[in-house]
PDB file of N, CA and C in Angstrom:
ATOM      1  N   MET A   1     -40.833  44.005  15.193  1.00  0.00           N
ATOM      2  CA  MET A   1     -40.607  43.080  14.107  1.00  0.00           C
ATOM      3  C   MET A   1     -41.791  42.114  14.065  1.00  0.00           C
ATOM      4  N   GLU A   2     -42.177  41.787  12.893  1.00  0.00           N
ATOM      5  CA  GLU A   2     -43.325  40.917  12.716  1.00  0.00           C
ATOM      6  C   GLU A   2     -42.942  39.476  13.051  1.00  0.00           C
ATOM      7  N   PRO A   3     -43.897  38.677  13.454  1.00  0.00           N
ATOM      8  CA  PRO A   3     -43.599  37.287  13.817  1.00  0.00           C
ATOM      9  C   PRO A   3     -43.037  36.477  12.648  1.00  0.00           C
ATOM     10  N   GLU A   4     -43.520  36.756  11.452  1.00  0.00           N
ATOM     11  CA  GLU A   4     -43.013  36.025  10.281  1.00  0.00           C
ATOM     12  C   GLU A   4     -41.542  36.343  10.042  1.00  0.00           C
ATOM     13  N   ASP A   5     -41.170  37.596  10.145  1.00  0.00           N
ATOM     14  CA  ASP A   5     -39.773  38.000   9.973  1.00  0.00           C
ATOM     15  C   ASP A   5     -38.896  37.407  11.078  1.00  0.00           C
ATOM     16  N   GLN A   6     -39.439  37.416  12.300  1.00  0.00           N
ATOM     17  CA  GLN A   6     -38.685  36.852  13.427  1.00  0.00           C
ATOM     18  C   GLN A   6     -38.441  35.358  13.215  1.00  0.00           C
ATOM     19  N   ARG A   7     -39.470  34.667  12.747  1.00  0.00           N
ATOM     20  CA  ARG A   7     -39.329  33.232  12.473  1.00  0.00           C
ATOM     21  C   ARG A   7     -38.283  32.981  11.392  1.00  0.00           C
ATOM     22  N   LYS A   8     -38.280  33.806  10.338  1.00  0.00           N
ATOM     23  CA  LYS A   8     -37.278  33.667   9.280  1.00  0.00           C
ATOM     24  C   LYS A   8     -35.879  33.929   9.819  1.00  0.00           C
ATOM     25  N   LEU A   9     -35.743  34.956  10.638  1.00  0.00           N
ATOM     26  CA  LEU A   9     -34.433  35.258  11.221  1.00  0.00           C
ATOM     27  C   LEU A   9     -33.952  34.126  12.124  1.00  0.00           C
ATOM     28  N   ASP A  10     -34.876  33.564  12.906  1.00  0.00           N
ATOM     29  CA  ASP A  10     -34.502  32.430  13.764  1.00  0.00           C
ATOM     30  C   ASP A  10     -34.068  31.239  12.915  1.00  0.00           C
ATOM     31  N   ARG A  11     -34.780  31.017  11.811  1.00  0.00           N
ATOM     32  CA  ARG A  11     -34.404  29.908  10.929  1.00  0.00           C
ATOM     33  C   ARG A  11     -33.029  30.155  10.300  1.00  0.00           C
ATOM     34  N   VAL A  12     -32.779  31.371   9.849  1.00  0.00           N
ATOM     35  CA  VAL A  12     -31.488  31.709   9.266  1.00  0.00           C
ATOM     36  C   VAL A  12     -30.387  31.544  10.320  1.00  0.00           C
ATOM     37  N   LEU A  13     -30.650  31.961  11.541  1.00  0.00           N
ATOM     38  CA  LEU A  13     -29.676  31.822  12.620  1.00  0.00           C
ATOM     39  C   LEU A  13     -29.382  30.344  12.891  1.00  0.00           C
ATOM     40  N   LYS A  14     -30.423  29.531  12.917  1.00  0.00           N
ATOM     41  CA  LYS A  14     -30.233  28.096  13.144  1.00  0.00           C
ATOM     42  C   LYS A  14     -29.411  27.470  12.016  1.00  0.00           C
ATOM     43  N   LEU A  15     -29.746  27.821  10.765  1.00  0.00           N
ATOM     44  CA  LEU A  15     -28.998  27.294   9.629  1.00  0.00           C
ATOM     45  C   LEU A  15     -27.540  27.768   9.662  1.00  0.00           C
ATOM     46  N   ALA A  16     -27.301  28.998  10.026  1.00  0.00           N
ATOM     47  CA  ALA A  16     -25.937  29.533  10.107  1.00  0.00           C
ATOM     48  C   ALA A  16     -25.147  28.807  11.191  1.00  0.00           C
ATOM     49  N   GLU A  17     -25.789  28.522  12.321  1.00  0.00           N
ATOM     50  CA  GLU A  17     -25.101  27.781  13.391  1.00  0.00           C
ATOM     51  C   GLU A  17     -24.784  26.358  12.957  1.00  0.00           C
ATOM     52  N   GLU A  18     -25.730  25.687  12.267  1.00  0.00           N
ATOM     53  CA  GLU A  18     -25.472  24.335  11.757  1.00  0.00           C
ATOM     54  C   GLU A  18     -24.348  24.368  10.720  1.00  0.00           C
ATOM     55  N   ASN A  19     -24.402  25.367   9.841  1.00  0.00           N
ATOM     56  CA  ASN A  19     -23.374  25.508   8.822  1.00  0.00           C
ATOM     57  C   ASN A  19     -22.014  25.741   9.482  1.00  0.00           C
ATOM     58  N   ASN A  20     -21.979  26.562  10.499  1.00  0.00           N
ATOM     59  CA  ASN A  20     -20.739  26.832  11.212  1.00  0.00           C
ATOM     60  C   ASN A  20     -20.193  25.547  11.848  1.00  0.00           C
ATOM     61  N   GLU A  21     -21.077  24.727  12.398  1.00  0.00           N
ATOM     62  CA  GLU A  21     -20.640  23.459  13.001  1.00  0.00           C
ATOM     63  C   GLU A  21     -20.046  22.526  11.943  1.00  0.00           C
ATOM     64  N   TYR A  22     -20.699  22.439  10.774  1.00  0.00           N
ATOM     65  CA  TYR A  22     -20.169  21.600   9.692  1.00  0.00           C
ATOM     66  C   TYR A  22     -18.812  22.105   9.201  1.00  0.00           C
ATOM     67  N   VAL A  23     -18.705  23.430   9.070  1.00  0.00           N
ATOM     68  CA  VAL A  23     -17.438  24.003   8.616  1.00  0.00           C
ATOM     69  C   VAL A  23     -16.332  23.705   9.625  1.00  0.00           C
ATOM     70  N   ARG A  24     -16.630  23.802  10.906  1.00  0.00           N
ATOM     71  CA  ARG A  24     -15.636  23.473  11.940  1.00  0.00           C
ATOM     72  C   ARG A  24     -15.226  22.001  11.866  1.00  0.00           C
ATOM     73  N   GLN A  25     -16.191  21.114  11.630  1.00  0.00           N
ATOM     74  CA  GLN A  25     -15.871  19.688  11.502  1.00  0.00           C
ATOM     75  C   GLN A  25     -14.980  19.433  10.286  1.00  0.00           C
ATOM     76  N   VAL A  26     -15.310  20.053   9.166  1.00  0.00           N
ATOM     77  CA  VAL A  26     -14.508  19.872   7.955  1.00  0.00           C
ATOM     78  C   VAL A  26     -13.108  20.410   8.178  1.00  0.00           C
ATOM     79  N   ARG A  27     -13.008  21.589   8.790  1.00  0.00           N
ATOM     80  CA  ARG A  27     -11.688  22.174   9.035  1.00  0.00           C
ATOM     81  C   ARG A  27     -10.882  21.305  10.004  1.00  0.00           C
ATOM     82  N   GLY A  28     -11.536  20.770  11.018  1.00  0.00           N
ATOM     83  CA  GLY A  28     -10.842  19.858  11.936  1.00  0.00           C
ATOM     84  C   GLY A  28     -10.359  18.609  11.223  1.00  0.00           C
ATOM     85  N   SER A  29     -11.195  18.093  10.320  1.00  0.00           N
ATOM     86  CA  SER A  29     -10.805  16.921   9.538  1.00  0.00           C
ATOM     87  C   SER A  29      -9.622  17.246   8.637  1.00  0.00           C
ATOM     88  N   GLN A  30      -9.615  18.424   8.039  1.00  0.00           N
ATOM     89  CA  GLN A  30      -8.498  18.835   7.196  1.00  0.00           C
ATOM     90  C   GLN A  30      -7.205  18.939   8.013  1.00  0.00           C
ATOM     91  N   LYS A  31      -7.307  19.508   9.196  1.00  0.00           N
ATOM     92  CA  LYS A  31      -6.115  19.627  10.046  1.00  0.00           C
ATOM     93  C   LYS A  31      -5.580  18.257  10.431  1.00  0.00           C
ATOM     94  N   THR A  32      -6.478  17.340  10.777  1.00  0.00           N
ATOM     95  CA  THR A  32      -6.058  15.991  11.147  1.00  0.00           C
ATOM     96  C   THR A  32      -5.410  15.279   9.959  1.00  0.00           C
ATOM     97  N   THR A  33      -6.016  15.423   8.797  1.00  0.00           N
ATOM     98  CA  THR A  33      -5.457  14.803   7.601  1.00  0.00           C
ATOM     99  C   THR A  33      -4.075  15.371   7.289  1.00  0.00           C
ATOM    100  N   GLN A  34      -3.930  16.678   7.394  1.00  0.00           N
ATOM    101  CA  GLN A  34      -2.635  17.304   7.144  1.00  0.00           C
ATOM    102  C   GLN A  34      -1.590  16.830   8.151  1.00  0.00           C
ATOM    103  N   MET A  35      -1.977  16.673   9.398  1.00  0.00           N
ATOM    104  CA  MET A  35      -1.051  16.181  10.414  1.00  0.00           C
ATOM    105  C   MET A  35      -0.583  14.761  10.077  1.00  0.00           C
ATOM    106  N   TRP A  36      -1.519  13.888   9.683  1.00  0.00           N
ATOM    107  CA  TRP A  36      -1.144  12.509   9.353  1.00  0.00           C
ATOM    108  C   TRP A  36      -0.280  12.439   8.098  1.00  0.00           C
ATOM    109  N   LYS A  37      -0.555  13.308   7.123  1.00  0.00           N
ATOM    110  CA  LYS A  37       0.291  13.354   5.931  1.00  0.00           C
ATOM    111  C   LYS A  37       1.702  13.791   6.290  1.00  0.00           C
ATOM    112  N   SER A  38       1.808  14.772   7.175  1.00  0.00           N
ATOM    113  CA  SER A  38       3.131  15.235   7.608  1.00  0.00           C
ATOM    114  C   SER A  38       3.881  14.130   8.326  1.00  0.00           C
ATOM    115  N   ILE A  39       3.198  13.425   9.221  1.00  0.00           N
ATOM    116  CA  ILE A  39       3.824  12.306   9.936  1.00  0.00           C
ATOM    117  C   ILE A  39       4.248  11.226   8.950  1.00  0.00           C
ATOM    118  N   TYR A  40       3.411  10.943   7.970  1.00  0.00           N
ATOM    119  CA  TYR A  40       3.708   9.943   6.948  1.00  0.00           C
ATOM    120  C   TYR A  40       5.006  10.283   6.223  1.00  0.00           C
ATOM    121  N   TRP A  41       5.134  11.534   5.756  1.00  0.00           N
ATOM    122  CA  TRP A  41       6.327  11.922   5.011  1.00  0.00           C
ATOM    123  C   TRP A  41       7.562  11.987   5.893  1.00  0.00           C
ATOM    124  N   VAL A  42       7.390  12.389   7.133  1.00  0.00           N
ATOM    125  CA  VAL A  42       8.539  12.387   8.054  1.00  0.00           C
ATOM    126  C   VAL A  42       9.025  10.963   8.260  1.00  0.00           C
ATOM    127  N   LEU A  43       8.111  10.026   8.436  1.00  0.00           N
ATOM    128  CA  LEU A  43       8.510   8.626   8.613  1.00  0.00           C
ATOM    129  C   LEU A  43       9.207   8.085   7.362  1.00  0.00           C
ATOM    130  N   ILE A  44       8.711   8.447   6.197  1.00  0.00           N
ATOM    131  CA  ILE A  44       9.362   7.998   4.961  1.00  0.00           C
ATOM    132  C   ILE A  44      10.776   8.555   4.870  1.00  0.00           C
ATOM    133  N   LEU A  45      10.936   9.846   5.160  1.00  0.00           N
ATOM    134  CA  LEU A  45      12.267  10.454   5.102  1.00  0.00           C
ATOM    135  C   LEU A  45      13.209   9.852   6.138  1.00  0.00           C
ATOM    136  N   VAL A  46      12.716   9.619   7.334  1.00  0.00           N
ATOM    137  CA  VAL A  46      13.547   8.995   8.368  1.00  0.00           C
ATOM    138  C   VAL A  46      13.964   7.600   7.925  1.00  0.00           C
ATOM    139  N   ALA A  47      13.033   6.840   7.343  1.00  0.00           N
ATOM    140  CA  ALA A  47      13.364   5.494   6.872  1.00  0.00           C
ATOM    141  C   ALA A  47      14.411   5.550   5.761  1.00  0.00           C
ATOM    142  N   LEU A  48      14.288   6.520   4.843  1.00  0.00           N
ATOM    143  CA  LEU A  48      15.268   6.644   3.770  1.00  0.00           C
ATOM    144  C   LEU A  48      16.652   6.987   4.313  1.00  0.00           C
ATOM    145  N   PHE A  49      16.721   7.951   5.222  1.00  0.00           N
ATOM    146  CA  PHE A  49      18.013   8.330   5.784  1.00  0.00           C
ATOM    147  C   PHE A  49      18.616   7.206   6.614  1.00  0.00           C
ATOM    148  N   ALA A  50      17.781   6.513   7.383  1.00  0.00           N
ATOM    149  CA  ALA A  50      18.280   5.385   8.173  1.00  0.00           C
ATOM    150  C   ALA A  50      18.766   4.267   7.253  1.00  0.00           C
ATOM    151  N   GLY A  51      18.019   4.004   6.196  1.00  0.00           N
ATOM    152  CA  GLY A  51      18.439   2.979   5.238  1.00  0.00           C
ATOM    153  C   GLY A  51      19.737   3.343   4.567  1.00  0.00           C
ATOM    154  N   TYR A  52      19.889   4.605   4.189  1.00  0.00           N
ATOM    155  CA  TYR A  52      21.146   5.027   3.576  1.00  0.00           C
ATOM    156  C   TYR A  52      22.291   4.910   4.566  1.00  0.00           C
ATOM    157  N   HIS A  53      22.040   5.325   5.802  1.00  0.00           N
ATOM    158  CA  HIS A  53      23.088   5.243   6.827  1.00  0.00           C
ATOM    159  C   HIS A  53      23.497   3.790   7.068  1.00  0.00           C
ATOM    160  N   TYR A  54      22.523   2.897   7.071  1.00  0.00           N
ATOM    161  CA  TYR A  54      22.794   1.481   7.281  1.00  0.00           C
ATOM    162  C   TYR A  54      23.515   0.876   6.072  1.00  0.00           C
ATOM    163  N   MET A  55      23.113   1.277   4.870  1.00  0.00           N
ATOM    164  CA  MET A  55      23.662   0.686   3.651  1.00  0.00           C
ATOM    165  C   MET A  55      24.944   1.370   3.169  1.00  0.00           C
ATOM    166  N   GLN A  56      25.308   2.515   3.732  1.00  0.00           N
ATOM    167  CA  GLN A  56      26.436   3.295   3.239  1.00  0.00           C
ATOM    168  C   GLN A  56      27.733   2.503   3.186  1.00  0.00           C
ATOM    169  N   PRO A  57      28.105   1.696   4.203  1.00  0.00           N
ATOM    170  CA  PRO A  57      29.345   0.921   4.074  1.00  0.00           C
ATOM    171  C   PRO A  57      29.306  -0.055   2.892  1.00  0.00           C
ATOM    172  N   TYR A  58      28.165  -0.678   2.676  1.00  0.00           N
ATOM    173  CA  TYR A  58      28.036  -1.617   1.570  1.00  0.00           C
ATOM    174  C   TYR A  58      28.097  -0.887   0.233  1.00  0.00           C
ATOM    175  N   LEU A  59      27.450   0.276   0.162  1.00  0.00           N
ATOM    176  CA  LEU A  59      27.480   1.055  -1.076  1.00  0.00           C
ATOM    177  C   LEU A  59      28.886   1.530  -1.405  1.00  0.00           C
ATOM    178  N   SER A  60      29.643   1.927  -0.385  1.00  0.00           N
ATOM    179  CA  SER A  60      31.011   2.377  -0.659  1.00  0.00           C
ATOM    180  C   SER A  60      31.873   1.205  -1.138  1.00  0.00           C
ATOM    181  N   LYS A  61      31.659   0.019  -0.577  1.00  0.00           N
ATOM    182  CA  LYS A  61      32.393  -1.158  -1.052  1.00  0.00           C
ATOM    183  C   LYS A  61      32.031  -1.480  -2.500  1.00  0.00           C
ATOM    184  N   ILE A  62      30.762  -1.371  -2.827  1.00  0.00           N
ATOM    185  CA  ILE A  62      30.313  -1.657  -4.188  1.00  0.00           C
ATOM    186  C   ILE A  62      30.912  -0.656  -5.168  1.00  0.00           C
ATOM    187  N   THR A  63      30.902   0.628  -4.817  1.00  0.00           N
ATOM    188  CA  THR A  63      31.478   1.626  -5.721  1.00  0.00           C
ATOM    189  C   THR A  63      32.990   1.432  -5.854  1.00  0.00           C
ATOM    190  N   GLN A  64      33.635   1.033  -4.779  1.00  0.00           N
ATOM    191  CA  GLN A  64      35.073   0.768  -4.854  1.00  0.00           C
ATOM    192  C   GLN A  64      35.343  -0.427  -5.766  1.00  0.00           C
ATOM    193  N   MET A  65      34.557  -1.493  -5.614  1.00  0.00           N
ATOM    194  CA  MET A  65      34.729  -2.655  -6.478  1.00  0.00           C
ATOM    195  C   MET A  65      34.452  -2.289  -7.938  1.00  0.00           C
ATOM    196  N   TYR A  66      33.434  -1.478  -8.187  1.00  0.00           N
ATOM    197  CA  TYR A  66      33.114  -1.069  -9.542  1.00  0.00           C
ATOM    198  C   TYR A  66      34.273  -0.289 -10.159  1.00  0.00           C
ATOM    199  N   SER A  67      34.853   0.617  -9.381  1.00  0.00           N
ATOM    200  CA  SER A  67      35.962   1.392  -9.934  1.00  0.00           C
ATOM    201  C   SER A  67      37.164   0.500 -10.199  1.00  0.00           C
ATOM    202  N   THR A  68      37.415  -0.485  -9.322  1.00  0.00           N
ATOM    203  CA  THR A  68      38.512  -1.421  -9.537  1.00  0.00           C
ATOM    204  C   THR A  68      38.268  -2.247 -10.799  1.00  0.00           C
ATOM    205  N   VAL A  69      37.066  -2.744 -10.966  1.00  0.00           N
ATOM    206  CA  VAL A  69      36.735  -3.545 -12.148  1.00  0.00           C
ATOM    207  C   VAL A  69      36.880  -2.700 -13.410  1.00  0.00           C
ATOM    208  N   THR A  70      36.456  -1.454 -13.363  1.00  0.00           N
ATOM    209  CA  THR A  70      36.578  -0.576 -14.524  1.00  0.00           C
ATOM    210  C   THR A  70      38.040  -0.359 -14.888  1.00  0.00           C
ATOM    211  N   LYS A  71      38.877  -0.126 -13.891  1.00  0.00           N
ATOM    212  CA  LYS A  71      40.309   0.059 -14.156  1.00  0.00           C
ATOM    213  C   LYS A  71      40.921  -1.219 -14.730  1.00  0.00           C
ATOM    214  N   GLU A  72      40.587  -2.358 -14.150  1.00  0.00           N
ATOM    215  CA  GLU A  72      41.119  -3.628 -14.648  1.00  0.00           C
ATOM    216  C   GLU A  72      40.645  -3.910 -16.066  1.00  0.00           C
ATOM    217  N   LYS A  73      39.400  -3.556 -16.361  1.00  0.00           N
ATOM    218  CA  LYS A  73      38.881  -3.749 -17.717  1.00  0.00           C
ATOM    219  C   LYS A  73      39.669  -2.892 -18.704  1.00  0.00           C
ATOM    220  N   ALA A  74      39.934  -1.648 -18.327  1.00  0.00           N
ATOM    221  CA  ALA A  74      40.707  -0.772 -19.215  1.00  0.00           C
ATOM    222  C   ALA A  74      42.119  -1.323 -19.413  1.00  0.00           C
ATOM    223  N   ASN A  75      42.724  -1.814 -18.339  1.00  0.00           N
ATOM    224  CA  ASN A  75      44.064  -2.405 -18.459  1.00  0.00           C
ATOM    225  C   ASN A  75      44.031  -3.648 -19.341  1.00  0.00           C
ATOM    226  N   LEU A  76      43.021  -4.471 -19.167  1.00  0.00           N
ATOM    227  CA  LEU A  76      42.897  -5.690 -19.953  1.00  0.00           C
ATOM    228  C   LEU A  76      42.712  -5.359 -21.435  1.00  0.00           C
ATOM    229  N   GLU A  77      41.861  -4.367 -21.733  1.00  0.00           N
ATOM    230  CA  GLU A  77      41.667  -3.973 -23.121  1.00  0.00           C
ATOM    231  C   GLU A  77      42.962  -3.444 -23.716  1.00  0.00           C
ATOM    232  N   LEU A  78      43.712  -2.687 -22.926  1.00  0.00           N
ATOM    233  CA  LEU A  78      44.993  -2.171 -23.395  1.00  0.00           C
ATOM    234  C   LEU A  78      45.956  -3.318 -23.673  1.00  0.00           C
ATOM    235  N   ASN A  79      46.009  -4.283 -22.748  1.00  0.00           N
ATOM    236  CA  ASN A  79      46.898  -5.428 -22.931  1.00  0.00           C
ATOM    237  C   ASN A  79      46.487  -6.275 -24.136  1.00  0.00           C
ATOM    238  N   ILE A  80      45.192  -6.431 -24.336  1.00  0.00           N
ATOM    239  CA  ILE A  80      44.716  -7.216 -25.480  1.00  0.00           C
ATOM    240  C   ILE A  80      45.082  -6.515 -26.777  1.00  0.00           C
ATOM    241  N   SER A  81      44.887  -5.196 -26.830  1.00  0.00           N
ATOM    242  CA  SER A  81      45.215  -4.483 -28.067  1.00  0.00           C
ATOM    243  C   SER A  81      46.721  -4.512 -28.310  1.00  0.00           C
ATOM    244  N   ASP A  82      47.526  -4.402 -27.240  1.00  0.00           N
ATOM    245  CA  ASP A  82      48.975  -4.532 -27.406  1.00  0.00           C
ATOM    246  C   ASP A  82      49.324  -5.939 -27.881  1.00  0.00           C
ATOM    247  N   GLY A  83      48.644  -6.915 -27.341  1.00  0.00           N
ATOM    248  CA  GLY A  83      48.880  -8.292 -27.732  1.00  0.00           C
ATOM    249  C   GLY A  83      48.514  -8.528 -29.185  1.00  0.00           C
ATOM    250  N   LYS A  84      47.417  -7.959 -29.629  1.00  0.00           N
ATOM    251  CA  LYS A  84      47.015  -8.097 -31.027  1.00  0.00           C
ATOM    252  C   LYS A  84      48.056  -7.471 -31.937  1.00  0.00           C
ATOM    253  N   ASN A  85      48.489  -6.276 -31.567  1.00  0.00           N
ATOM    254  CA  ASN A  85      49.495  -5.592 -32.390  1.00  0.00           C
ATOM    255  C   ASN A  85      50.797  -6.398 -32.404  1.00  0.00           C
ATOM    256  N   GLY A  86      51.172  -6.904 -31.249  1.00  0.00           N
ATOM    257  CA  GLY A  86      52.388  -7.713 -31.178  1.00  0.00           C
ATOM    258  C   GLY A  86      52.255  -8.983 -31.991  1.00  0.00           C
ATOM    259  N   PHE A  87      51.086  -9.619 -31.914  1.00  0.00           N
ATOM    260  CA  PHE A  87      50.865 -10.844 -32.671  1.00  0.00           C
ATOM    261  C   PHE A  87      50.880 -10.562 -34.164  1.00  0.00           C
ATOM    262  N   MET A  88      50.260  -9.453 -34.567  1.00  0.00           N
ATOM    263  CA  MET A  88      50.247  -9.111 -35.985  1.00  0.00           C
ATOM    264  C   MET A  88      51.658  -8.790 -36.475  1.00  0.00           C
ATOM    265  N   ASN A  89      52.448  -8.096 -35.646  1.00  0.00           N
ATOM    266  CA  ASN A  89      53.830  -7.816 -36.026  1.00  0.00           C
ATOM    267  C   ASN A  89      54.626  -9.111 -36.145  1.00  0.00           C
ATOM    268  N   PHE A  90      54.407 -10.005 -35.207  1.00  0.00           N
ATOM    269  CA  PHE A  90      55.099 -11.291 -35.244  1.00  0.00           C
ATOM    270  C   PHE A  90      54.721 -12.062 -36.501  1.00  0.00           C
ATOM    271  N   PHE A  91      53.409 -12.062 -36.796  1.00  0.00           N
ATOM    272  CA  PHE A  91      52.916 -12.768 -37.963  1.00  0.00           C
ATOM    273  C   PHE A  91      53.474 -12.146 -39.244  1.00  0.00           C
ATOM    274  N   ASP A  92      53.490 -10.816 -39.315  1.00  0.00           N
ATOM    275  CA  ASP A  92      54.049 -10.135 -40.491  1.00  0.00           C
ATOM    276  C   ASP A  92      55.530 -10.466 -40.647  1.00  0.00           C
ATOM    277  N   ASN A  93      56.277 -10.522 -39.564  1.00  0.00           N
ATOM    278  CA  ASN A  93      57.699 -10.829 -39.624  1.00  0.00           C
ATOM    279  C   ASN A  93      57.929 -12.265 -40.052  1.00  0.00           C
ATOM    280  N   MET A  94      57.031 -13.147 -39.680  1.00  0.00           N
ATOM    281  CA  MET A  94      57.182 -14.555 -40.072  1.00  0.00           C
ATOM    282  C   MET A  94      56.953 -14.726 -41.565  1.00  0.00           C
ATOM    283  N   MET A  95      55.989 -13.952 -42.093  1.00  0.00           N
ATOM    284  CA  MET A  95      55.652 -14.095 -43.507  1.00  0.00           C
ATOM    285  C   MET A  95      56.675 -13.390 -44.404  1.00  0.00           C
ATOM    286  N   MET A  96      57.251 -12.299 -43.927  1.00  0.00           N
ATOM    287  CA  MET A  96      58.201 -11.550 -44.714  1.00  0.00           C
ATOM    288  C   MET A  96      59.541 -11.513 -43.977  1.00  0.00           C
ATOM    289  N   PRO A  97      60.417 -12.348 -44.317  1.00  0.00           N
ATOM    290  CA  PRO A  97      61.723 -12.316 -43.638  1.00  0.00           C
ATOM    291  C   PRO A  97      62.412 -10.983 -43.886  1.00  0.00           C
ATOM    292  N   LYS A  98      63.283 -10.599 -42.960  1.00  0.00           N
ATOM    293  CA  LYS A  98      63.934  -9.292 -43.024  1.00  0.00           C
ATOM    294  C   LYS A  98      65.001  -9.209 -44.118  1.00  0.00           C
ATOM    295  N   GLY A  99      65.442 -10.235 -44.613  1.00  0.00           N
ATOM    296  CA  GLY A  99      66.501 -10.189 -45.600  1.00  0.00           C
ATOM    297  C   GLY A  99      66.045  -9.694 -46.958  1.00  0.00           C
ATOM    298  N   GLU A 100      64.827  -9.617 -47.267  1.00  0.00           N
ATOM    299  CA  GLU A 100      64.365  -9.270 -48.605  1.00  0.00           C
ATOM    300  C   GLU A 100      64.138  -7.822 -48.769  1.00  0.00           C
TER     301      GLU A 100
END
């Protein structure tokens, strides 16, 4: 092999080794980044589940109170409408005596 060709091959080999080192560094950086992202999301999920577990008694009380208020509101509306009808009947009876 001629010296010029040998020099070119040595240069290509050196560049390939440098390129391989850079690729390994980038791949290592990608693996590290992926690991930290995974840890990040695991911590977020753990915090969400722990928060729900901690808040669950309060949430159940709130939903129970909401359902009670909704039922009472429906009862109140029913009573008000019955009261209106009763008042209107009373008023109609006052204006028109039954004897006529």
